[in-house]
């Protein structure tokens, strides 16, 4: 399906206050859900994501998360230009940024910025609307208690989906057992409802030429700040300066390593549900480890 470039160009023109006569549309690789493009008119360039019309809620949620992060003034994100639908599908237009991988300096700056972002604390855990983690719906109904929120809004839905996707019932039952015992990991720790990126792996971060760190593709909500740090460690790719600068700016709780497998189980279950059995073994090991920890 070819994008509706006429509608997209018109949306860019309306949003920027001037006609946008598109002269180039180059595909950009790297995404696993949407098609990505860099479009231009000879003077300006924009980054565009396209998909079927049914993807519009995903684009609107992404735009909302980017706008929320931008509004804090703590962390750089691509500016949202427009989102909508045309005859051939849905689209999201953003500022086009030339990004390089994080290095020691930009990694440290990102760690400091993330710690400041996490200081933006709300009243409850959750968000004012549901959104997506990858292509998976993410339930964000607010709740004052973090263990309840994480168990009922994060782990339980993923486990139910995993069962529907073929995970064996015994393993899912063990996962549900973690949900039931979750409070045992929070007897002496009361997480604040921090503003989170929500999908912080190294593929969603980079740096401008002047070293300014940039994050994108968020799945924002308010919750325990340790979830962002845990995911940043899950798949690797962040420089050690990122973690050091974060801890220097706002030290983590002494027992954060104990909770890291819990938070990353959510993402491994999501990867199982999105990409299949390659993640089954890792999910099994994490569930067994967490159950052993909770039985102590």
Protein backbone atom coordinates (compact mmCIF):
# COMPACT_ATOMS: atom_id res chain seq x y z
CA UNK A 1 0.00 0.00 0.00
CA UNK A 2 1.49 3.33 -1.08
CA UNK A 3 1.11 6.22 1.39
CA UNK A 4 -1.32 8.99 0.51
CA UNK A 5 1.41 11.56 -0.11
CA UNK A 6 -1.03 14.23 -1.26
CA UNK A 7 -2.90 14.15 2.05
CA UNK A 8 0.33 13.98 4.04
CA UNK A 9 1.82 16.96 2.18
CA UNK A 10 -1.38 18.94 2.75
CA UNK A 11 -1.27 18.12 6.49
CA UNK A 12 2.34 19.29 6.70
CA UNK A 13 1.47 22.50 4.91
CA UNK A 14 -1.46 23.20 7.20
CA UNK A 15 0.56 22.46 10.34
CA UNK A 16 3.54 24.59 9.31
CA UNK A 17 1.60 27.47 7.81
CA UNK A 18 2.97 27.16 4.29
CA UNK A 19 2.58 24.98 1.24
CA UNK A 20 4.62 21.79 1.24
CA UNK A 21 5.23 20.53 -2.29
CA UNK A 22 6.85 17.16 -1.68
CA UNK A 23 9.76 16.37 -3.99
CA UNK A 24 11.27 13.35 -2.22
CA UNK A 25 10.14 10.43 -0.08
CA UNK A 26 12.94 8.08 0.96
CA UNK A 27 12.21 4.93 2.99
CA UNK A 28 13.97 4.62 6.34
CA UNK A 29 14.68 1.17 7.77
CA UNK A 30 14.69 -0.04 11.34
CA UNK A 31 11.04 -0.19 12.33
CA UNK A 32 9.18 -3.47 12.91
CA UNK A 33 5.60 -2.15 13.05
CA UNK A 34 5.25 0.88 10.77
CA UNK A 35 6.86 2.04 7.53
CA UNK A 36 9.11 5.08 7.96
CA UNK A 37 10.08 7.78 5.49
CA UNK A 38 12.11 10.94 5.24
CA UNK A 39 10.26 13.41 3.01
CA UNK A 40 11.32 16.81 1.70
CA UNK A 41 10.43 19.70 -0.59
CA UNK A 42 13.97 20.82 -1.36
CA UNK A 43 14.07 23.17 1.65
CA UNK A 44 12.62 21.26 4.57
CA UNK A 45 12.59 17.63 5.66
CA UNK A 46 10.24 15.66 7.89
CA UNK A 47 10.10 12.15 9.32
CA UNK A 48 6.89 10.27 8.52
CA UNK A 49 5.47 6.99 9.78
CA UNK A 50 2.72 5.28 7.79
CA UNK A 51 0.50 2.25 8.27
CA UNK A 52 -3.07 1.09 7.75
CA UNK A 53 -5.90 3.36 8.89
CA UNK A 54 -6.35 1.13 11.96
CA UNK A 55 -2.95 2.33 13.22
CA UNK A 56 -4.16 5.89 13.82
CA UNK A 57 -4.73 5.32 17.59
CA UNK A 58 -1.11 4.15 17.87
CA UNK A 59 0.12 7.29 16.13
CA UNK A 60 -2.08 9.51 18.27
CA UNK A 61 -0.82 7.84 21.44
CA UNK A 62 2.78 8.26 20.31
CA UNK A 63 2.17 11.93 19.54
CA UNK A 64 0.60 12.40 22.95
CA UNK A 65 3.58 10.84 24.70
CA UNK A 66 6.07 12.94 22.76
CA UNK A 67 4.12 16.08 23.58
CA UNK A 68 4.01 15.18 27.28
CA UNK A 69 7.77 14.62 27.40
CA UNK A 70 8.44 17.81 25.47
CA UNK A 71 6.21 19.87 27.76
CA UNK A 72 8.47 19.14 30.74
CA UNK A 73 11.43 20.89 29.11
CA UNK A 74 13.69 18.23 30.62
CA UNK A 75 14.39 16.02 27.61
CA UNK A 76 14.60 16.51 23.85
CA UNK A 77 12.16 14.68 21.60
CA UNK A 78 11.19 15.09 17.93
CA UNK A 79 8.49 17.72 17.56
CA UNK A 80 5.11 16.39 16.43
CA UNK A 81 3.90 18.04 13.22
CA UNK A 82 0.69 16.23 12.26
CA UNK A 83 -1.20 12.96 12.48
CA UNK A 84 -4.21 11.73 10.56
CA UNK A 85 -5.58 9.47 7.86
CA UNK A 86 -5.81 9.60 4.09
CA UNK A 87 -7.27 7.35 1.43
CA UNK A 88 -4.41 4.89 1.78
CA UNK A 89 -3.88 4.72 5.56
CA UNK A 90 -2.77 6.57 8.69
CA UNK A 91 0.30 8.73 9.19
CA UNK A 92 2.35 10.56 11.79
CA UNK A 93 4.65 13.43 10.79
CA UNK A 94 7.50 14.53 13.03
CA UNK A 95 10.54 16.75 12.95
CA UNK A 96 13.38 15.06 11.07
CA UNK A 97 16.49 14.81 13.24
CA UNK A 98 19.94 13.58 12.26
CA UNK A 99 20.88 11.31 15.16
CA UNK A 100 24.01 9.40 16.08
CA UNK A 101 24.36 6.67 18.71
CA UNK A 102 24.86 7.85 22.28
CA UNK A 103 28.48 8.28 23.32
CA UNK A 104 29.96 8.88 26.75
CA UNK A 105 29.05 12.57 26.89
CA UNK A 106 25.57 12.37 25.40
CA UNK A 107 24.84 9.24 27.45
CA UNK A 108 25.68 11.09 30.65
CA UNK A 109 23.50 14.00 29.62
CA UNK A 110 20.63 11.62 28.94
CA UNK A 111 21.04 10.02 32.36
CA UNK A 112 20.82 13.43 34.02
CA UNK A 113 17.82 14.44 31.90
CA UNK A 114 15.98 11.21 32.64
CA UNK A 115 16.49 11.63 36.38
CA UNK A 116 15.02 15.13 36.15
CA UNK A 117 12.12 13.81 34.08
CA UNK A 118 11.41 11.20 36.74
CA UNK A 119 11.13 14.00 39.30
CA UNK A 120 7.92 15.04 37.50
CA UNK A 121 5.61 13.14 39.82
CA UNK A 122 1.83 12.80 39.52
CA UNK A 123 -0.94 11.85 41.92
CA UNK A 124 -1.47 8.23 40.78
CA UNK A 125 0.24 5.53 38.80
CA UNK A 126 -1.08 5.31 35.26
CA UNK A 127 -2.02 7.76 32.53
CA UNK A 128 -5.06 9.69 31.39
CA UNK A 129 -5.56 7.34 28.45
CA UNK A 130 -4.48 3.91 27.30
CA UNK A 131 -1.64 3.63 24.79
CA UNK A 132 0.66 0.99 23.30
CA UNK A 133 3.88 -0.83 24.09
CA UNK A 134 5.06 -1.68 20.61
CA UNK A 135 1.87 -2.87 18.92
CA UNK A 136 0.35 -4.16 22.16
CA UNK A 137 -2.40 -2.15 23.88
CA UNK A 138 -1.23 -0.88 27.26
CA UNK A 139 -3.88 -0.32 29.94
CA UNK A 140 -3.22 2.81 31.99
CA UNK A 141 -6.28 3.19 34.23
CA UNK A 142 -4.86 5.13 37.21
CA UNK A 143 -4.47 3.55 40.64
CA UNK A 144 -2.80 4.91 43.80
CA UNK A 145 -1.02 1.63 44.58
CA UNK A 146 1.94 0.68 42.43
CA UNK A 147 1.95 -3.10 43.13
CA UNK A 148 -1.73 -3.26 42.15
CA UNK A 149 -1.16 -1.16 39.05
CA UNK A 150 1.83 -3.16 37.83
CA UNK A 151 0.21 -6.49 38.55
CA UNK A 152 -3.22 -5.76 37.09
CA UNK A 153 -2.38 -3.30 34.29
CA UNK A 154 0.94 -4.75 33.15
CA UNK A 155 1.67 -8.39 34.04
CA UNK A 156 -1.81 -9.92 34.09
CA UNK A 157 -2.85 -8.69 30.60
CA UNK A 158 0.43 -9.93 29.11
CA UNK A 159 0.05 -13.32 30.76
CA UNK A 160 -3.51 -13.67 29.47
CA UNK A 161 -2.32 -12.81 25.98
CA UNK A 162 0.56 -15.27 26.30
CA UNK A 163 -1.91 -18.02 27.17
CA UNK A 164 -3.94 -17.15 24.08
CA UNK A 165 -0.72 -17.25 22.05
CA UNK A 166 0.15 -20.78 23.15
CA UNK A 167 2.19 -20.45 26.36
CA UNK A 168 1.57 -23.53 28.48
CA UNK A 169 -1.02 -23.17 31.23
CA UNK A 170 1.33 -24.23 34.02
CA UNK A 171 3.81 -21.46 33.22
CA UNK A 172 1.05 -18.86 32.92
CA UNK A 173 -0.32 -20.01 36.29
CA UNK A 174 3.11 -19.46 37.82
CA UNK A 175 3.14 -15.98 36.32
CA UNK A 176 -0.27 -15.27 37.80
CA UNK A 177 1.16 -16.43 41.12
CA UNK A 178 3.70 -13.61 40.87
CA UNK A 179 0.85 -11.13 40.39
CA UNK A 180 -0.88 -12.44 43.53
CA UNK A 181 2.29 -12.17 45.64
CA UNK A 182 3.57 -8.90 44.18
CA UNK A 183 3.12 -6.89 47.36
CA UNK A 184 5.91 -8.90 48.95
CA UNK A 185 8.46 -7.02 46.85
CA UNK A 186 7.28 -3.64 48.09
CA UNK A 187 7.15 -3.98 51.87
CA UNK A 188 9.78 -1.29 52.42
CA UNK A 189 9.59 0.57 49.12
CA UNK A 190 6.90 3.00 48.00
CA UNK A 191 7.56 4.08 44.40
CA UNK A 192 6.56 7.56 43.35
CA UNK A 193 4.38 7.92 40.22
CA UNK A 194 7.15 9.36 38.05
CA UNK A 195 6.66 10.42 34.45
CA UNK A 196 8.20 7.56 32.42
CA UNK A 197 9.34 7.12 28.85
CA UNK A 198 7.96 3.61 29.12
CA UNK A 199 9.85 1.93 26.26
CA UNK A 200 13.41 2.97 26.95
CA UNK A 201 15.71 0.70 24.99
CA UNK A 202 18.77 1.95 23.11
CA UNK A 203 16.96 1.90 19.75
CA UNK A 204 14.72 4.68 21.05
CA UNK A 205 17.51 7.11 21.93
CA UNK A 206 20.25 8.99 20.11
CA UNK A 207 22.12 12.27 20.05
CA UNK A 208 22.27 15.36 17.90
CA UNK A 209 25.57 16.62 16.48
CA UNK A 210 26.03 18.96 19.45
CA UNK A 211 25.66 16.08 21.92
CA UNK A 212 22.06 16.80 22.92
CA UNK A 213 20.38 13.49 23.76
CA UNK A 214 17.05 12.69 22.13
CA UNK A 215 14.44 10.04 22.96
CA UNK A 216 11.48 8.94 20.85
CA UNK A 217 8.85 6.18 20.44
CA UNK A 218 7.59 6.55 24.03
CA UNK A 219 4.91 4.54 25.81
CA UNK A 220 4.39 7.12 28.56
CA UNK A 221 2.68 6.63 31.88
CA UNK A 222 3.40 7.40 35.53
CA UNK A 223 5.00 4.68 37.62
CA UNK A 224 8.13 3.45 39.33
CA UNK A 225 11.17 5.10 37.77
CA UNK A 226 13.07 1.84 38.15
CA UNK A 227 11.09 0.45 35.20
CA UNK A 228 12.83 2.80 32.76
CA UNK A 229 16.26 1.93 34.16
CA UNK A 230 15.52 -1.80 34.13
CA UNK A 231 14.51 -1.76 30.48
CA UNK A 232 17.56 0.31 29.55
CA UNK A 233 19.66 -2.53 30.97
CA UNK A 234 17.58 -5.36 29.45
CA UNK A 235 18.74 -5.19 25.84
CA UNK A 236 21.98 -3.26 26.35
CA UNK A 237 23.34 -0.50 24.12
CA UNK A 238 23.43 2.39 26.59
CA UNK A 239 26.89 3.66 27.61
CA UNK A 240 27.86 3.15 31.23
CA UNK A 241 27.96 6.93 31.59
CA UNK A 242 24.16 6.98 31.22
CA UNK A 243 23.62 4.82 34.31
CA UNK A 244 26.35 6.52 36.33
CA UNK A 245 24.98 9.99 35.62
CA UNK A 246 21.44 8.91 36.47
CA UNK A 247 22.50 7.47 39.82
CA UNK A 248 24.58 10.53 40.61
CA UNK A 249 21.64 12.81 39.87
CA UNK A 250 19.08 10.68 41.74
CA UNK A 251 20.35 7.50 43.46
CA UNK A 252 18.24 4.36 43.12
CA UNK A 253 16.81 2.42 46.04
CA UNK A 254 19.26 -0.11 47.44
CA UNK A 255 17.03 -3.05 46.46
CA UNK A 256 16.41 -1.99 42.86
CA UNK A 257 18.31 -5.01 41.46
CA UNK A 258 15.82 -7.30 43.18
CA UNK A 259 12.93 -5.74 41.28
CA UNK A 260 14.64 -5.52 37.89
CA UNK A 261 13.59 -9.03 36.71
CA UNK A 262 10.00 -8.20 37.68
CA UNK A 263 9.92 -5.09 35.54
CA UNK A 264 11.67 -6.71 32.61
CA UNK A 265 9.32 -9.70 32.67
CA UNK A 266 6.67 -7.35 31.32
CA UNK A 267 8.78 -6.57 28.26
CA UNK A 268 9.86 -10.18 27.70
CA UNK A 269 6.24 -11.31 27.84
CA UNK A 270 5.37 -8.56 25.38
CA UNK A 271 8.13 -9.72 23.05
CA UNK A 272 6.82 -13.28 23.33
CA UNK A 273 3.35 -12.05 22.41
CA UNK A 274 4.63 -9.96 19.50
CA UNK A 275 7.46 -12.09 18.11
CA UNK A 276 6.93 -15.65 19.31
CA UNK A 277 8.70 -18.49 21.05
CA UNK A 278 12.22 -17.09 20.80
CA UNK A 279 11.42 -15.35 24.11
CA UNK A 280 9.76 -18.31 25.83
CA UNK A 281 12.89 -19.60 27.55
CA UNK A 282 13.79 -16.19 28.92
CA UNK A 283 10.23 -15.68 30.17
CA UNK A 284 10.31 -19.08 31.89
CA UNK A 285 13.61 -18.37 33.64
CA UNK A 286 12.41 -14.97 34.85
CA UNK A 287 9.13 -16.37 36.18
CA UNK A 288 10.91 -19.17 38.05
CA UNK A 289 13.45 -16.73 39.52
CA UNK A 290 10.77 -14.32 40.68
CA UNK A 291 8.67 -17.06 42.26
CA UNK A 292 11.70 -18.33 44.16
CA UNK A 293 12.39 -14.79 45.35
CA UNK A 294 8.82 -14.29 46.53
CA UNK A 295 8.77 -17.61 48.43
CA UNK A 296 11.71 -16.66 50.63
